[in-house]
Amino acid sequence: MRRYCRIIGVCWDKSWVSSFIAIIRGALQRSGWRRQVNRSAPETPLIPVCTIVPECHVPPSPNHGRAIVSSPNLVQRSLYELATQVGGALCARKQILAVAESCTGGWIAKSVTDIAGSSGWFDRGFVTYSNAAKTELLGVREATLARHGAVSAEVVTEMVAGALARSRADIALAVSGVAGPDGGTADKPVGTVYLAWAPRGGSARVARQHFDGGREAVRLATVAAALQGVLDVCAHRG
């Protein structure tokens, strides 16, 4: 599958990302975090994404239209609304999602299953934190891990392929990164994350991103990027 993989930048929607990052930055500052969440510039030109959710039986955010007081709720509301968009896009296309997570440790699956009715469009999540788990649960080759490392385009490509092969999903995503505070290298500093998305029967799309901030900030940005990428896949498949 590797030969079909093309490396791209995360396909962000500019207006959505600006609003989301502003909310996250303000929330973290008010909660006492000293480091800020920032999104690094994409490595390729931005590509329009699906931002209008077709009609679907996905409930709106319970906080819609009401003031949010606490910082954690601001962050959670943003993820909830993004996951709701993902659910709407998948439901409208009668498609199902599977996720394979390393650095996020199940946070993507948690965000998705916060949505009532997500069982209609979410199949399963694989939390493969160790190299052994990636091999045993997703079929990532030991040779790939040894040659490229767990945080690499090659590994997330095999992760997303494994998630499709071991689920009934129509679309899968995979993430692996260095959330910190330790573990970074000159080539892959803390904040480096690889993400992959693949539709069943289609080619994988992979992005390398670097997110600033502490461990939770990096993981949060990864969750948002992963979900936004699903919208992009839906938009390009029509």
Protein backbone atom coordinates (compact mmCIF):
# COMPACT_ATOMS: atom_id res chain seq x y z
CA MET A 1 0.00 0.00 0.00
CA ARG A 2 2.96 2.27 0.58
CA ARG A 3 3.48 2.95 -3.10
CA TYR A 4 0.05 4.56 -3.28
CA CYS A 5 0.69 6.85 -0.34
CA ARG A 6 1.20 10.54 -0.98
CA ILE A 7 2.48 12.93 1.66
CA ILE A 8 0.46 16.09 2.05
CA GLY A 9 -0.19 18.82 4.59
CA VAL A 10 -3.25 18.58 6.79
CA CYS A 11 -6.23 19.89 4.85
CA TRP A 12 -7.43 22.62 7.14
CA ASP A 13 -10.38 24.93 6.74
CA LYS A 14 -8.89 28.35 7.55
CA SER A 15 -11.90 29.91 9.24
CA TRP A 16 -12.66 26.84 11.34
CA VAL A 17 -9.08 26.38 12.45
CA SER A 18 -8.67 30.04 13.42
CA SER A 19 -11.79 29.88 15.58
CA PHE A 20 -10.87 26.54 17.10
CA ILE A 21 -7.30 27.53 17.97
CA ALA A 22 -8.49 30.84 19.43
CA ILE A 23 -10.90 28.98 21.71
CA ILE A 24 -8.25 26.48 22.76
CA ARG A 25 -5.62 29.16 23.35
CA GLY A 26 -7.94 31.24 25.50
CA ALA A 27 -9.16 28.22 27.42
CA LEU A 28 -5.67 27.03 28.24
CA GLN A 29 -4.50 30.50 29.23
CA ARG A 30 -7.44 30.95 31.58
CA SER A 31 -6.85 27.54 33.10
CA GLY A 32 -3.25 28.42 33.99
CA TRP A 33 -1.31 26.83 31.16
CA ARG A 34 1.89 28.72 30.39
CA ARG A 35 2.38 27.33 26.94
CA GLN A 36 0.02 28.09 24.11
CA VAL A 37 -1.51 25.97 21.42
CA ASN A 38 -0.48 27.05 17.97
CA ARG A 39 -0.82 25.35 14.61
CA SER A 40 2.28 25.20 12.48
CA ALA A 41 1.96 26.30 8.87
CA PRO A 42 0.86 23.52 6.53
CA GLU A 43 3.56 22.06 4.34
CA THR A 44 1.41 22.40 1.21
CA PRO A 45 -1.29 24.86 0.09
CA LEU A 46 -4.57 24.64 1.93
CA ILE A 47 -7.29 22.53 0.36
CA PRO A 48 -10.98 23.34 0.87
CA VAL A 49 -12.79 20.93 3.16
CA CYS A 50 -16.35 19.92 3.87
CA THR A 51 -17.76 22.43 6.35
CA ILE A 52 -21.51 22.13 5.73
CA VAL A 53 -23.00 19.06 7.33
CA PRO A 54 -25.85 17.46 5.37
CA GLU A 55 -29.04 16.59 7.22
CA CYS A 56 -28.50 13.60 9.43
CA HIS A 57 -29.66 12.22 12.75
CA VAL A 58 -26.75 13.66 14.71
CA PRO A 59 -27.76 15.82 17.67
CA PRO A 60 -26.48 19.39 18.02
CA SER A 61 -24.18 20.35 20.86
CA PRO A 62 -26.15 20.53 24.12
CA ASN A 63 -24.34 23.81 24.86
CA HIS A 64 -25.33 25.46 21.58
CA GLY A 65 -26.38 29.04 22.17
CA ARG A 66 -25.42 29.05 25.85
CA ALA A 67 -22.46 30.73 27.47
CA ILE A 68 -19.63 28.43 28.46
CA VAL A 69 -18.03 29.39 31.75
CA SER A 70 -15.26 26.90 32.51
CA SER A 71 -12.22 26.47 30.26
CA PRO A 72 -12.48 22.65 29.97
CA ASN A 73 -16.03 23.03 28.69
CA LEU A 74 -14.88 25.42 25.97
CA VAL A 75 -12.39 22.88 24.72
CA GLN A 76 -14.86 20.01 24.94
CA ARG A 77 -17.54 21.97 23.11
CA SER A 78 -15.20 22.61 20.18
CA LEU A 79 -14.33 18.93 19.85
CA TYR A 80 -17.97 17.98 20.27
CA GLU A 81 -19.05 20.23 17.43
CA LEU A 82 -16.26 18.98 15.16
CA ALA A 83 -17.11 15.36 15.93
CA THR A 84 -20.75 16.19 15.21
CA GLN A 85 -19.75 17.46 11.77
CA VAL A 86 -17.82 14.25 11.16
CA GLY A 87 -20.84 12.20 12.17
CA GLY A 88 -23.10 14.19 9.88
CA ALA A 89 -20.78 13.79 6.91
CA LEU A 90 -20.38 10.05 7.43
CA CYS A 91 -24.06 9.47 8.13
CA ALA A 92 -25.09 11.33 4.98
CA ARG A 93 -22.81 9.08 2.95
CA LYS A 94 -23.81 5.93 4.85
CA GLN A 95 -20.17 5.36 5.75
CA ILE A 96 -18.49 4.04 8.88
CA LEU A 97 -15.28 5.16 10.59
CA ALA A 98 -12.50 3.30 12.38
CA VAL A 99 -9.54 4.89 14.14
CA ALA A 100 -6.04 3.70 15.05
CA GLU A 101 -4.37 5.79 17.74
CA SER A 102 -0.95 5.92 19.31
CA CYS A 103 -0.06 9.29 20.87
CA THR A 104 -3.70 10.26 21.49
CA GLY A 105 -4.38 7.10 23.48
CA GLY A 106 -8.05 6.76 22.58
CA TRP A 107 -8.94 10.46 22.69
CA ILE A 108 -10.19 10.45 19.10
CA ALA A 109 -12.50 7.51 19.78
CA LYS A 110 -13.67 9.20 22.97
CA SER A 111 -14.51 12.41 21.09
CA VAL A 112 -16.43 10.47 18.47
CA THR A 113 -18.41 8.39 20.95
CA ASP A 114 -19.39 11.49 22.91
CA ILE A 115 -21.91 11.96 20.11
CA ALA A 116 -25.24 10.23 20.73
CA GLY A 117 -25.99 7.83 17.90
CA SER A 118 -22.35 7.46 16.89
CA SER A 119 -22.82 3.68 16.84
CA GLY A 120 -24.45 4.24 13.46
CA TRP A 121 -21.25 5.58 11.90
CA PHE A 122 -18.37 4.55 14.19
CA ASP A 123 -17.18 0.94 14.17
CA ARG A 124 -14.16 0.64 16.44
CA GLY A 125 -10.95 2.16 17.73
CA PHE A 126 -7.52 0.61 18.11
CA VAL A 127 -5.29 2.08 20.83
CA THR A 128 -1.86 0.82 19.81
CA TYR A 129 0.51 2.70 22.06
CA SER A 130 3.41 0.26 21.95
CA ASN A 131 5.22 -1.10 18.92
CA ALA A 132 4.07 -4.58 19.87
CA ALA A 133 0.44 -3.43 19.85
CA LYS A 134 0.87 -1.89 16.42
CA THR A 135 2.18 -5.19 15.13
CA GLU A 136 -0.28 -7.47 16.91
CA LEU A 137 -3.48 -5.46 16.42
CA LEU A 138 -2.86 -3.66 13.13
CA GLY A 139 -0.32 -5.80 11.32
CA VAL A 140 2.38 -3.11 11.19
CA ARG A 141 5.56 -4.87 10.12
CA GLU A 142 8.42 -5.05 12.59
CA ALA A 143 10.79 -4.20 9.75
CA THR A 144 8.89 -0.97 9.10
CA LEU A 145 9.08 0.01 12.76
CA ALA A 146 12.77 -0.81 12.94
CA ARG A 147 13.65 1.10 9.80
CA HIS A 148 11.46 4.18 10.11
CA GLY A 149 10.39 4.36 13.75
CA ALA A 150 6.90 4.43 15.20
CA VAL A 151 6.49 8.11 14.36
CA SER A 152 6.72 8.00 10.59
CA ALA A 153 4.69 8.18 7.40
CA GLU A 154 5.39 4.53 6.69
CA VAL A 155 4.04 3.36 10.05
CA VAL A 156 0.82 5.40 10.00
CA THR A 157 0.22 4.18 6.45
CA GLU A 158 0.40 0.58 7.66
CA MET A 159 -1.68 1.47 10.71
CA VAL A 160 -4.51 2.90 8.64
CA ALA A 161 -4.38 -0.09 6.28
CA GLY A 162 -4.56 -2.42 9.27
CA ALA A 163 -7.53 -0.55 10.71
CA LEU A 164 -9.43 -0.99 7.45
CA ALA A 165 -8.47 -4.65 7.16
CA ARG A 166 -9.58 -5.40 10.72
CA SER A 167 -12.86 -3.51 10.73
CA ARG A 168 -15.98 -2.98 8.66
CA ALA A 169 -15.18 0.71 8.22
CA ASP A 170 -15.39 2.61 4.96
CA ILE A 171 -12.89 5.23 6.16
CA ALA A 172 -10.06 4.88 8.66
CA LEU A 173 -7.57 7.24 10.23
CA ALA A 174 -4.33 6.69 12.12
CA VAL A 175 -2.10 8.92 14.23
CA SER A 176 1.35 8.52 15.77
CA GLY A 177 3.46 11.28 17.25
CA VAL A 178 5.83 12.61 19.89
CA ALA A 179 3.60 14.32 22.45
CA GLY A 180 6.42 14.99 24.91
CA PRO A 181 7.79 16.21 27.12
CA ASP A 182 10.50 13.67 26.26
CA GLY A 183 11.20 11.46 23.28
CA GLY A 184 11.95 14.07 20.65
CA THR A 185 14.94 14.00 18.31
CA ALA A 186 16.53 16.46 15.91
CA ASP A 187 14.56 14.96 13.02
CA LYS A 188 11.37 14.45 15.01
CA PRO A 189 11.16 17.01 17.81
CA VAL A 190 8.43 16.99 20.43
CA GLY A 191 5.20 17.99 18.72
CA THR A 192 5.87 16.01 15.55
CA VAL A 193 2.80 14.03 14.51
CA TYR A 194 2.03 11.86 11.50
CA LEU A 195 -1.60 11.39 10.49
CA ALA A 196 -3.09 9.14 7.82
CA TRP A 197 -6.56 8.78 6.34
CA ALA A 198 -7.73 6.16 3.86
CA PRO A 199 -11.08 5.23 2.30
CA ARG A 200 -11.69 1.57 1.62
CA GLY A 201 -10.44 0.81 -1.86
CA GLY A 202 -8.63 4.14 -2.12
CA SER A 203 -5.14 5.48 -1.51
CA ALA A 204 -3.86 6.68 1.84
CA ARG A 205 -3.20 10.36 2.46
CA VAL A 206 -0.52 11.17 5.02
CA ALA A 207 0.43 14.43 6.72
CA ARG A 208 3.35 15.39 8.92
CA GLN A 209 2.59 18.23 11.33
CA HIS A 210 4.36 19.95 14.20
CA PHE A 211 2.16 21.26 16.99
CA ASP A 212 3.47 23.66 19.65
CA GLY A 213 2.61 23.53 23.32
CA GLY A 214 2.75 20.98 26.11
CA ARG A 215 1.78 17.32 25.98
CA GLU A 216 -1.96 17.86 26.24
CA ALA A 217 -1.87 20.69 23.72
CA VAL A 218 -0.12 18.47 21.17
CA ARG A 219 -2.58 15.65 21.75
CA LEU A 220 -5.57 17.98 21.51
CA ALA A 221 -4.34 19.48 18.25
CA THR A 222 -3.81 15.96 16.91
CA VAL A 223 -7.39 14.96 17.72
CA ALA A 224 -8.71 18.06 15.95
CA ALA A 225 -6.49 17.50 12.90
CA ALA A 226 -7.51 13.85 12.66
CA LEU A 227 -11.22 14.64 12.73
CA GLN A 228 -10.85 17.52 10.29
CA GLY A 229 -9.05 15.16 7.92
CA VAL A 230 -12.07 12.86 7.88
CA LEU A 231 -14.18 15.78 6.65
CA ASP A 232 -11.65 16.36 3.90
CA VAL A 233 -11.82 12.72 2.80
CA CYS A 234 -15.62 12.94 2.72
CA ALA A 235 -15.49 16.15 0.67
CA HIS A 236 -13.14 14.68 -1.92
CA ARG A 237 -15.18 11.50 -2.31
CA GLY A 238 -18.39 13.43 -2.82
